[in-house]
Amino acid sequence: MITLKSVHEIELMRRAGKITAAARALAGEMVKPGVTTHEIDKAVYRFIKSQGAEPSFLNYSGYPASVCVSVNDEIIHGIPGPRVLKEGDIVSVDVGAYIGGFHGDCAATYPCGKISAEAQRLIDVTQQSFFEGIRFAREGQRLSDISAAVQKYVEDNGYSVVREYVGHGIGRKMHESPEVPNFGAPGHGPRLLRGMTIAVEPMVNAGGAAVRVMPDGWTVRTQDGSLAAHYENTILITDGEAELLTLPEI
């Protein structure tokens, strides 16, 4: 069931979203050659706790860290560890924070030092595909209008959208109804209503769309070894343009 949030609940979600976005920004600033993914995880954990919040991801379905850090051909759910980031890597950071009974969720892909022009283009297209999609995140539109716009922009730029993993509703639970795919024909799915809160998150591969899950049961990589990027914000459906709840001002 899709839950519509009250004015009070939306305020609580704004609070969670701001902390989440600030944690994403902190992680992004740490993406530098010589930094380990574990160091990013520890810093995000300390920051979220310092704000009186809890890391949404830690122990979620058994996930062992506070942030997902996915490098190069890793699309999502990379587990932080001793891996040392290198010049030229692209690093996707996905983070969630829980406070006041509500979750925020957001992600972005960051360059590690100087990266190739093609890697930067992948990052840029992935981020822009989110904004192409949320042009349709308006009261009265259909959910798949967002999905279709993301897919069209990605594919028009020569890339592929991941199909096995999708965005989602968010609120008191990290994952709520509805699912928010990054592909599909427009004009389908539930009608968007004021008070809906959803996480829109294009996952884009430079090569083919196929993915594979690593033996750790979490890390998802491109099947063909091509680079991947990820961009996500938690958004609120209003009577006008969608409001991005994961903006970093605290």
C-alpha atoms as a PDB file:
ATOM      1  CA  MET A   1       0.000   0.000   0.000  1.00  0.00           C
ATOM      2  CA  ILE A   2       1.289   3.482  -0.868  1.00  0.00           C
ATOM      3  CA  THR A   3       1.282   5.823   2.122  1.00  0.00           C
ATOM      4  CA  LEU A   4       0.692   9.555   1.765  1.00  0.00           C
ATOM      5  CA  LYS A   5       2.601  11.616   4.316  1.00  0.00           C
ATOM      6  CA  SER A   6       1.017  14.283   6.495  1.00  0.00           C
ATOM      7  CA  VAL A   7       2.478  17.781   6.847  1.00  0.00           C
ATOM      8  CA  HIS A   8       4.109  16.723  10.126  1.00  0.00           C
ATOM      9  CA  GLU A   9       5.512  13.523   8.632  1.00  0.00           C
ATOM     10  CA  ILE A  10       6.937  15.469   5.694  1.00  0.00           C
ATOM     11  CA  GLU A  11       8.771  17.752   8.130  1.00  0.00           C
ATOM     12  CA  LEU A  12      10.285  14.684   9.781  1.00  0.00           C
ATOM     13  CA  MET A  13      11.301  13.332   6.388  1.00  0.00           C
ATOM     14  CA  ARG A  14      12.947  16.652   5.499  1.00  0.00           C
ATOM     15  CA  ARG A  15      15.018  16.339   8.660  1.00  0.00           C
ATOM     16  CA  ALA A  16      16.072  12.774   7.840  1.00  0.00           C
ATOM     17  CA  GLY A  17      16.757  13.781   4.252  1.00  0.00           C
ATOM     18  CA  LYS A  18      19.047  16.662   5.168  1.00  0.00           C
ATOM     19  CA  ILE A  19      21.163  14.438   7.411  1.00  0.00           C
ATOM     20  CA  THR A  20      21.316  11.779   4.701  1.00  0.00           C
ATOM     21  CA  ALA A  21      22.364  14.278   2.048  1.00  0.00           C
ATOM     22  CA  ALA A  22      25.043  15.756   4.301  1.00  0.00           C
ATOM     23  CA  ALA A  23      26.386  12.250   4.886  1.00  0.00           C
ATOM     24  CA  ARG A  24      26.496  11.695   1.113  1.00  0.00           C
ATOM     25  CA  ALA A  25      28.383  14.983   0.671  1.00  0.00           C
ATOM     26  CA  LEU A  26      30.869  13.981   3.378  1.00  0.00           C
ATOM     27  CA  ALA A  27      31.484  10.648   1.690  1.00  0.00           C
ATOM     28  CA  GLY A  28      31.921  12.372  -1.662  1.00  0.00           C
ATOM     29  CA  GLU A  29      34.515  14.751  -0.248  1.00  0.00           C
ATOM     30  CA  MET A  30      36.478  11.755   1.049  1.00  0.00           C
ATOM     31  CA  VAL A  31      36.730  10.127  -2.398  1.00  0.00           C
ATOM     32  CA  LYS A  32      40.442  10.666  -3.011  1.00  0.00           C
ATOM     33  CA  PRO A  33      43.369   8.442  -4.002  1.00  0.00           C
ATOM     34  CA  GLY A  34      44.742   6.577  -0.979  1.00  0.00           C
ATOM     35  CA  VAL A  35      41.506   6.574   1.038  1.00  0.00           C
ATOM     36  CA  THR A  36      39.999   3.190   1.913  1.00  0.00           C
ATOM     37  CA  THR A  37      36.304   2.468   1.516  1.00  0.00           C
ATOM     38  CA  HIS A  38      36.282   1.458   5.192  1.00  0.00           C
ATOM     39  CA  GLU A  39      37.436   4.946   6.188  1.00  0.00           C
ATOM     40  CA  ILE A  40      34.487   6.431   4.283  1.00  0.00           C
ATOM     41  CA  ASP A  41      32.115   4.065   6.069  1.00  0.00           C
ATOM     42  CA  LYS A  42      33.461   4.943   9.511  1.00  0.00           C
ATOM     43  CA  ALA A  43      33.231   8.688   8.839  1.00  0.00           C
ATOM     44  CA  VAL A  44      29.637   8.384   7.613  1.00  0.00           C
ATOM     45  CA  TYR A  45      28.694   6.307  10.657  1.00  0.00           C
ATOM     46  CA  ARG A  46      30.180   8.875  13.048  1.00  0.00           C
ATOM     47  CA  PHE A  47      28.500  11.765  11.252  1.00  0.00           C
ATOM     48  CA  ILE A  48      25.034  10.215  11.184  1.00  0.00           C
ATOM     49  CA  LYS A  49      25.284   9.298  14.881  1.00  0.00           C
ATOM     50  CA  SER A  50      26.494  12.829  15.702  1.00  0.00           C
ATOM     51  CA  GLN A  51      23.228  14.161  14.272  1.00  0.00           C
ATOM     52  CA  GLY A  52      21.182  11.967  16.591  1.00  0.00           C
ATOM     53  CA  ALA A  53      20.227   9.648  13.731  1.00  0.00           C
ATOM     54  CA  GLU A  54      20.884   5.989  12.941  1.00  0.00           C
ATOM     55  CA  PRO A  55      22.455   4.655   9.720  1.00  0.00           C
ATOM     56  CA  SER A  56      19.528   3.091   7.834  1.00  0.00           C
ATOM     57  CA  PHE A  57      21.696   0.531   6.070  1.00  0.00           C
ATOM     58  CA  LEU A  58      23.619  -0.874   9.043  1.00  0.00           C
ATOM     59  CA  ASN A  59      22.310  -4.421   9.665  1.00  0.00           C
ATOM     60  CA  TYR A  60      19.477  -3.862   7.143  1.00  0.00           C
ATOM     61  CA  SER A  61      18.753  -7.438   6.000  1.00  0.00           C
ATOM     62  CA  GLY A  62      22.194  -8.238   7.375  1.00  0.00           C
ATOM     63  CA  TYR A  63      24.133  -5.548   5.489  1.00  0.00           C
ATOM     64  CA  PRO A  64      27.334  -5.011   7.515  1.00  0.00           C
ATOM     65  CA  ALA A  65      28.044  -1.299   6.982  1.00  0.00           C
ATOM     66  CA  SER A  66      26.546   2.206   7.154  1.00  0.00           C
ATOM     67  CA  VAL A  67      27.172   3.110   3.513  1.00  0.00           C
ATOM     68  CA  CYS A  68      27.429   1.289   0.193  1.00  0.00           C
ATOM     69  CA  VAL A  69      30.641   2.140  -1.678  1.00  0.00           C
ATOM     70  CA  SER A  70      30.728   0.760  -5.228  1.00  0.00           C
ATOM     71  CA  VAL A  71      33.811   1.304  -7.406  1.00  0.00           C
ATOM     72  CA  ASN A  72      34.094   1.324 -11.215  1.00  0.00           C
ATOM     73  CA  ASP A  73      32.159  -1.701 -12.552  1.00  0.00           C
ATOM     74  CA  GLU A  74      30.373  -2.160  -9.214  1.00  0.00           C
ATOM     75  CA  ILE A  75      26.861  -0.762  -9.623  1.00  0.00           C
ATOM     76  CA  ILE A  76      25.420  -0.895  -6.101  1.00  0.00           C
ATOM     77  CA  HIS A  77      25.769  -2.471  -2.659  1.00  0.00           C
ATOM     78  CA  GLY A  78      29.577  -2.527  -2.549  1.00  0.00           C
ATOM     79  CA  ILE A  79      30.646  -3.415   1.002  1.00  0.00           C
ATOM     80  CA  PRO A  80      33.286  -1.079   2.474  1.00  0.00           C
ATOM     81  CA  GLY A  81      36.571  -2.691   3.449  1.00  0.00           C
ATOM     82  CA  PRO A  82      40.339  -2.379   2.996  1.00  0.00           C
ATOM     83  CA  ARG A  83      40.132  -1.435  -0.689  1.00  0.00           C
ATOM     84  CA  VAL A  84      42.256   1.629  -1.417  1.00  0.00           C
ATOM     85  CA  LEU A  85      40.799   4.099  -3.925  1.00  0.00           C
ATOM     86  CA  LYS A  86      43.023   4.916  -6.891  1.00  0.00           C
ATOM     87  CA  GLU A  87      43.373   7.869  -9.244  1.00  0.00           C
ATOM     88  CA  GLY A  88      40.878   7.447 -12.068  1.00  0.00           C
ATOM     89  CA  ASP A  89      38.333   5.375 -10.131  1.00  0.00           C
ATOM     90  CA  ILE A  90      34.677   6.362 -10.075  1.00  0.00           C
ATOM     91  CA  VAL A  91      33.018   5.739  -6.738  1.00  0.00           C
ATOM     92  CA  SER A  92      29.288   5.403  -6.088  1.00  0.00           C
ATOM     93  CA  VAL A  93      28.182   6.198  -2.552  1.00  0.00           C
ATOM     94  CA  ASP A  94      24.705   5.260  -1.300  1.00  0.00           C
ATOM     95  CA  VAL A  95      23.619   6.258   2.193  1.00  0.00           C
ATOM     96  CA  GLY A  96      20.527   6.357   4.375  1.00  0.00           C
ATOM     97  CA  ALA A  97      19.728   7.914   7.751  1.00  0.00           C
ATOM     98  CA  TYR A  98      16.832   7.264  10.126  1.00  0.00           C
ATOM     99  CA  ILE A  99      15.565   9.797  12.666  1.00  0.00           C
ATOM    100  CA  GLY A 100      12.181  10.666  14.144  1.00  0.00           C
ATOM    101  CA  GLY A 101      10.660   7.509  12.717  1.00  0.00           C
ATOM    102  CA  PHE A 102      11.555   8.235   9.068  1.00  0.00           C
ATOM    103  CA  HIS A 103      14.283   7.425   6.570  1.00  0.00           C
ATOM    104  CA  GLY A 104      16.202   9.422   3.984  1.00  0.00           C
ATOM    105  CA  ASP A 105      18.037   7.728   1.106  1.00  0.00           C
ATOM    106  CA  CYS A 106      20.356   9.174  -1.545  1.00  0.00           C
ATOM    107  CA  ALA A 107      23.352   8.281  -3.712  1.00  0.00           C
ATOM    108  CA  ALA A 108      25.831   9.792  -6.154  1.00  0.00           C
ATOM    109  CA  THR A 109      28.929   8.802  -8.112  1.00  0.00           C
ATOM    110  CA  TYR A 110      32.140  10.766  -7.539  1.00  0.00           C
ATOM    111  CA  PRO A 111      35.437  10.995  -9.433  1.00  0.00           C
ATOM    112  CA  CYS A 112      38.587   9.890  -7.616  1.00  0.00           C
ATOM    113  CA  GLY A 113      41.202  12.401  -8.689  1.00  0.00           C
ATOM    114  CA  LYS A 114      41.433  12.872 -12.444  1.00  0.00           C
ATOM    115  CA  ILE A 115      39.157  10.542 -14.390  1.00  0.00           C
ATOM    116  CA  SER A 116      38.638   9.874 -18.086  1.00  0.00           C
ATOM    117  CA  ALA A 117      36.295  12.043 -20.121  1.00  0.00           C
ATOM    118  CA  GLU A 118      34.150   8.979 -20.809  1.00  0.00           C
ATOM    119  CA  ALA A 119      33.831   8.186 -17.086  1.00  0.00           C
ATOM    120  CA  GLN A 120      32.839  11.801 -16.380  1.00  0.00           C
ATOM    121  CA  ARG A 121      30.247  11.666 -19.139  1.00  0.00           C
ATOM    122  CA  LEU A 122      28.727   8.529 -17.598  1.00  0.00           C
ATOM    123  CA  ILE A 123      28.466  10.287 -14.223  1.00  0.00           C
ATOM    124  CA  ASP A 124      26.916  13.373 -15.827  1.00  0.00           C
ATOM    125  CA  VAL A 125      24.367  11.427 -17.894  1.00  0.00           C
ATOM    126  CA  THR A 126      23.350   9.331 -14.892  1.00  0.00           C
ATOM    127  CA  GLN A 127      22.744  12.419 -12.761  1.00  0.00           C
ATOM    128  CA  GLN A 128      20.900  14.234 -15.539  1.00  0.00           C
ATOM    129  CA  SER A 129      18.691  11.191 -16.166  1.00  0.00           C
ATOM    130  CA  PHE A 130      17.364  11.609 -12.616  1.00  0.00           C
ATOM    131  CA  PHE A 131      16.415  15.219 -13.353  1.00  0.00           C
ATOM    132  CA  GLU A 132      14.858  14.230 -16.690  1.00  0.00           C
ATOM    133  CA  GLY A 133      12.745  11.709 -14.792  1.00  0.00           C
ATOM    134  CA  ILE A 134      11.549  13.973 -12.006  1.00  0.00           C
ATOM    135  CA  ARG A 135      10.228  16.505 -14.496  1.00  0.00           C
ATOM    136  CA  PHE A 136       7.316  14.040 -14.572  1.00  0.00           C
ATOM    137  CA  ALA A 137       7.174  13.578 -10.779  1.00  0.00           C
ATOM    138  CA  ARG A 138       4.088  15.733 -10.494  1.00  0.00           C
ATOM    139  CA  GLU A 139       0.640  15.226  -9.079  1.00  0.00           C
ATOM    140  CA  GLY A 140      -1.563  13.486 -11.641  1.00  0.00           C
ATOM    141  CA  GLN A 141       1.227  11.913 -13.692  1.00  0.00           C
ATOM    142  CA  ARG A 142       1.715   8.143 -13.779  1.00  0.00           C
ATOM    143  CA  LEU A 143       4.680   6.563 -12.026  1.00  0.00           C
ATOM    144  CA  SER A 144       6.026   5.087 -15.253  1.00  0.00           C
ATOM    145  CA  ASP A 145       6.237   8.567 -16.782  1.00  0.00           C
ATOM    146  CA  ILE A 146       9.300   9.037 -14.548  1.00  0.00           C
ATOM    147  CA  SER A 147      10.670   5.629 -15.546  1.00  0.00           C
ATOM    148  CA  ALA A 148      10.240   6.219 -19.279  1.00  0.00           C
ATOM    149  CA  ALA A 149      11.958   9.601 -19.155  1.00  0.00           C
ATOM    150  CA  VAL A 150      14.982   8.152 -17.320  1.00  0.00           C
ATOM    151  CA  GLN A 151      15.293   5.277 -19.789  1.00  0.00           C
ATOM    152  CA  LYS A 152      14.970   7.483 -22.859  1.00  0.00           C
ATOM    153  CA  TYR A 153      17.656   9.915 -21.724  1.00  0.00           C
ATOM    154  CA  VAL A 154      20.065   7.133 -20.748  1.00  0.00           C
ATOM    155  CA  GLU A 155      19.599   5.167 -23.952  1.00  0.00           C
ATOM    156  CA  ASP A 156      19.684   8.274 -26.162  1.00  0.00           C
ATOM    157  CA  ASN A 157      23.162   8.806 -24.730  1.00  0.00           C
ATOM    158  CA  GLY A 158      24.283   5.287 -25.586  1.00  0.00           C
ATOM    159  CA  TYR A 159      24.101   3.722 -22.124  1.00  0.00           C
ATOM    160  CA  SER A 160      21.981   1.010 -20.469  1.00  0.00           C
ATOM    161  CA  VAL A 161      19.676   1.125 -17.448  1.00  0.00           C
ATOM    162  CA  VAL A 162      19.827  -1.640 -14.866  1.00  0.00           C
ATOM    163  CA  ARG A 163      16.546  -3.548 -14.678  1.00  0.00           C
ATOM    164  CA  GLU A 164      17.001  -5.926 -11.749  1.00  0.00           C
ATOM    165  CA  TYR A 165      17.124  -3.092  -9.200  1.00  0.00           C
ATOM    166  CA  VAL A 166      14.749  -0.151  -8.943  1.00  0.00           C
ATOM    167  CA  GLY A 167      13.818   2.878  -6.863  1.00  0.00           C
ATOM    168  CA  HIS A 168      11.146   2.662  -4.208  1.00  0.00           C
ATOM    169  CA  GLY A 169       8.721   4.351  -1.900  1.00  0.00           C
ATOM    170  CA  ILE A 170      10.257   5.481   1.378  1.00  0.00           C
ATOM    171  CA  GLY A 171       9.062   6.725   4.758  1.00  0.00           C
ATOM    172  CA  ARG A 172       8.721   4.850   8.029  1.00  0.00           C
ATOM    173  CA  LYS A 173      10.374   1.957   6.192  1.00  0.00           C
ATOM    174  CA  MET A 174      13.417   2.186   3.965  1.00  0.00           C
ATOM    175  CA  HIS A 175      11.612   0.335   1.176  1.00  0.00           C
ATOM    176  CA  GLU A 176       7.891   0.956   0.758  1.00  0.00           C
ATOM    177  CA  SER A 177       5.464   0.715  -2.156  1.00  0.00           C
ATOM    178  CA  PRO A 178       5.633   1.561  -4.966  1.00  0.00           C
ATOM    179  CA  GLU A 179       8.631   0.241  -6.871  1.00  0.00           C
ATOM    180  CA  VAL A 180      10.108   2.932  -9.147  1.00  0.00           C
ATOM    181  CA  PRO A 181      11.768   1.331 -12.207  1.00  0.00           C
ATOM    182  CA  ASN A 182      14.162   3.235 -14.445  1.00  0.00           C
ATOM    183  CA  PHE A 183      12.593   1.781 -17.592  1.00  0.00           C
ATOM    184  CA  GLY A 184       9.210   1.173 -19.142  1.00  0.00           C
ATOM    185  CA  ALA A 185       6.514   2.770 -21.258  1.00  0.00           C
ATOM    186  CA  PRO A 186       4.865   5.985 -20.016  1.00  0.00           C
ATOM    187  CA  GLY A 187       1.270   6.085 -18.803  1.00  0.00           C
ATOM    188  CA  HIS A 188       1.367   3.075 -16.473  1.00  0.00           C
ATOM    189  CA  GLY A 189       1.500   2.421 -12.744  1.00  0.00           C
ATOM    190  CA  PRO A 190      -0.132   4.320  -9.902  1.00  0.00           C
ATOM    191  CA  ARG A 191      -1.083   7.933 -10.317  1.00  0.00           C
ATOM    192  CA  LEU A 192       1.214  10.280  -8.428  1.00  0.00           C
ATOM    193  CA  LEU A 193      -0.489  12.004  -5.511  1.00  0.00           C
ATOM    194  CA  ARG A 194       0.517  14.848  -3.234  1.00  0.00           C
ATOM    195  CA  GLY A 195       2.245  13.508  -0.140  1.00  0.00           C
ATOM    196  CA  MET A 196       3.894  10.516  -1.828  1.00  0.00           C
ATOM    197  CA  THR A 197       7.591  10.137  -1.023  1.00  0.00           C
ATOM    198  CA  ILE A 198       9.747   8.076  -3.348  1.00  0.00           C
ATOM    199  CA  ALA A 199      13.427   7.401  -3.947  1.00  0.00           C
ATOM    200  CA  VAL A 200      14.249   7.793  -7.635  1.00  0.00           C
ATOM    201  CA  GLU A 201      17.615   6.213  -8.419  1.00  0.00           C
ATOM    202  CA  PRO A 202      18.928   5.643 -11.933  1.00  0.00           C
ATOM    203  CA  MET A 203      21.606   2.933 -12.093  1.00  0.00           C
ATOM    204  CA  VAL A 204      23.385   3.229 -15.419  1.00  0.00           C
ATOM    205  CA  ASN A 205      25.921   0.985 -17.150  1.00  0.00           C
ATOM    206  CA  ALA A 206      28.310   2.237 -19.806  1.00  0.00           C
ATOM    207  CA  GLY A 207      27.992  -1.116 -21.581  1.00  0.00           C
ATOM    208  CA  GLY A 208      25.202  -3.692 -21.501  1.00  0.00           C
ATOM    209  CA  ALA A 209      22.408  -3.808 -18.937  1.00  0.00           C
ATOM    210  CA  ALA A 210      23.263  -7.286 -17.596  1.00  0.00           C
ATOM    211  CA  VAL A 211      24.468  -7.579 -14.003  1.00  0.00           C
ATOM    212  CA  ARG A 212      26.010 -10.202 -11.744  1.00  0.00           C
ATOM    213  CA  VAL A 213      25.952 -10.542  -7.963  1.00  0.00           C
ATOM    214  CA  MET A 214      29.253 -11.289  -6.248  1.00  0.00           C
ATOM    215  CA  PRO A 215      29.789 -14.184  -3.812  1.00  0.00           C
ATOM    216  CA  ASP A 216      29.396 -11.777  -0.858  1.00  0.00           C
ATOM    217  CA  GLY A 217      25.684 -11.758  -1.729  1.00  0.00           C
ATOM    218  CA  TRP A 218      25.572  -7.953  -1.918  1.00  0.00           C
ATOM    219  CA  THR A 219      27.923  -6.384  -4.437  1.00  0.00           C
ATOM    220  CA  VAL A 220      26.323  -6.023  -7.888  1.00  0.00           C
ATOM    221  CA  ARG A 221      28.640  -5.552 -10.885  1.00  0.00           C
ATOM    222  CA  THR A 222      28.180  -5.078 -14.605  1.00  0.00           C
ATOM    223  CA  GLN A 223      28.276  -8.414 -16.428  1.00  0.00           C
ATOM    224  CA  ASP A 224      30.632  -7.075 -19.099  1.00  0.00           C
ATOM    225  CA  GLY A 225      32.973  -5.197 -16.758  1.00  0.00           C
ATOM    226  CA  SER A 226      31.926  -1.774 -18.039  1.00  0.00           C
ATOM    227  CA  LEU A 227      31.752   1.213 -15.711  1.00  0.00           C
ATOM    228  CA  ALA A 228      28.539   1.980 -13.822  1.00  0.00           C
ATOM    229  CA  ALA A 229      27.138   5.063 -12.084  1.00  0.00           C
ATOM    230  CA  HIS A 230      24.295   5.702  -9.637  1.00  0.00           C
ATOM    231  CA  TYR A 231      22.365   8.812  -8.633  1.00  0.00           C
ATOM    232  CA  GLU A 232      19.483   9.020  -6.170  1.00  0.00           C
ATOM    233  CA  ASN A 233      17.404  11.436  -4.165  1.00  0.00           C
ATOM    234  CA  THR A 234      14.359  11.074  -1.946  1.00  0.00           C
ATOM    235  CA  ILE A 235      11.598  13.242  -3.385  1.00  0.00           C
ATOM    236  CA  LEU A 236       8.175  14.478  -2.334  1.00  0.00           C
ATOM    237  CA  ILE A 237       5.251  14.785  -4.736  1.00  0.00           C
ATOM    238  CA  THR A 238       3.640  18.224  -4.303  1.00  0.00           C
ATOM    239  CA  ASP A 239       1.041  20.262  -6.173  1.00  0.00           C
ATOM    240  CA  GLY A 240       3.887  21.580  -8.373  1.00  0.00           C
ATOM    241  CA  GLU A 241       7.466  20.492  -8.991  1.00  0.00           C
ATOM    242  CA  ALA A 242       8.763  17.606  -6.884  1.00  0.00           C
ATOM    243  CA  GLU A 243      10.633  18.635  -3.745  1.00  0.00           C
ATOM    244  CA  LEU A 244      14.048  17.043  -3.223  1.00  0.00           C
ATOM    245  CA  LEU A 245      14.174  16.014   0.404  1.00  0.00           C
ATOM    246  CA  THR A 246      17.833  15.000   0.304  1.00  0.00           C
ATOM    247  CA  LEU A 247      19.458  18.400   0.089  1.00  0.00           C
ATOM    248  CA  PRO A 248      22.437  18.880   2.398  1.00  0.00           C
ATOM    249  CA  GLU A 249      21.604  21.993   4.415  1.00  0.00           C
ATOM    250  CA  ILE A 250      21.244  21.034   8.081  1.00  0.00           C
END
